[in-house]
Amino acid sequence: MNYSFCNLCFNLSDIDIIQSEKYNEFRQKIKGSQLTIETKYASQFNILEQSMVYQSLHGILVALENTIERRFYRDYYTGDILACLEDDGSKKVLSILKESKLTELEFLNCLAFEKTMYENNRFILHSSFIETKYGAILFTAPSGTGKSTQAELWRTYRNVDVINGDRSGLWKEGNQWMAGGVPWCGTSGIMKNKTLPLKAIVILEQALENCIQEINYGAKVGRILEQLTVNPWNSEMLVAAKMFSMYLAKEVPIIKLLCRPDLGAVETLEKELERYGYGE
């Protein structure tokens, strides 16, 4: 089994999961960087409580023993451990409980792709991703601010393609920053496997009137950093995410848009993009 996105190809052992058609375009093999994650079945899992360093609200437990990281994935409803991803720095092995049959989303969540992407100089940004005549434009903000709403406004009034309603992969190829579709999309239901040159990141904030607000470099870095997917127990990843945000904020237009959910927001952003020379 193979998954490919953001110019990375993940090679996995064949394992029985409940596949979904919405992941078909991610389930492929490309010529990009080849990364291997071994998958197998296990009869049970043992957790050493003293090695636990993190527990998420979504049932992920993380244990560190010397240089080995183990992530245990619990069933949200029963609390039973369904899988364990072991990473010793040179090899990743996912063990799945024999009696369980994971959905494809559960399986993807167990693979900790965000860490493998970080190890390959990529990060996932919480954002809505649209393909415009300018290139990739990403709307980023905390949940509930209106990222999907602004993406939908552009689809309605400018006939753009929405690549992902909630997540985007980011990386740099040579001198060009890139944005790529990923197989997670929150509740938006929109995810396409497409890679485009990144032209701008738009920080959204709801307001009574549509306008562009000046934002300094430090604020740009902070707003990008807080929307990157990181592992809070991994200090090296946190440092890398900050450096990534700093370079990104220097090299890609970061625009703060105060907006309403209307056509005026589209027109206001268009004028700002044209100021950067992104006209037809």
Foldseek 3Di string as FASTA:
>chain_A
DWFDFPQEIEDEDDDFAAEDPLRVQRRDDDPGHYHYEYEEEDAADDDDVVQWDDADLQAWTWGDDPQKIKIWHADNPPRGTAWIWIDNPPYIYIYGYPVDHYHPVVVVVRVPVQVVQVVVAKWKFFWWWKQALLKIETEHDPPPFQRQLVRVLCCVPVVIGTAAQTMWMWHDDDLFIKIFWDPDHDPPSHHHGDMITYAEYEYEHEDPDKAWDDDDLVVQLVRRLVRIDDDVVDPVSSVSSSVSSNVCSVRHHYIYIHDDSDNNNVVNVVVVSVVVVSDD
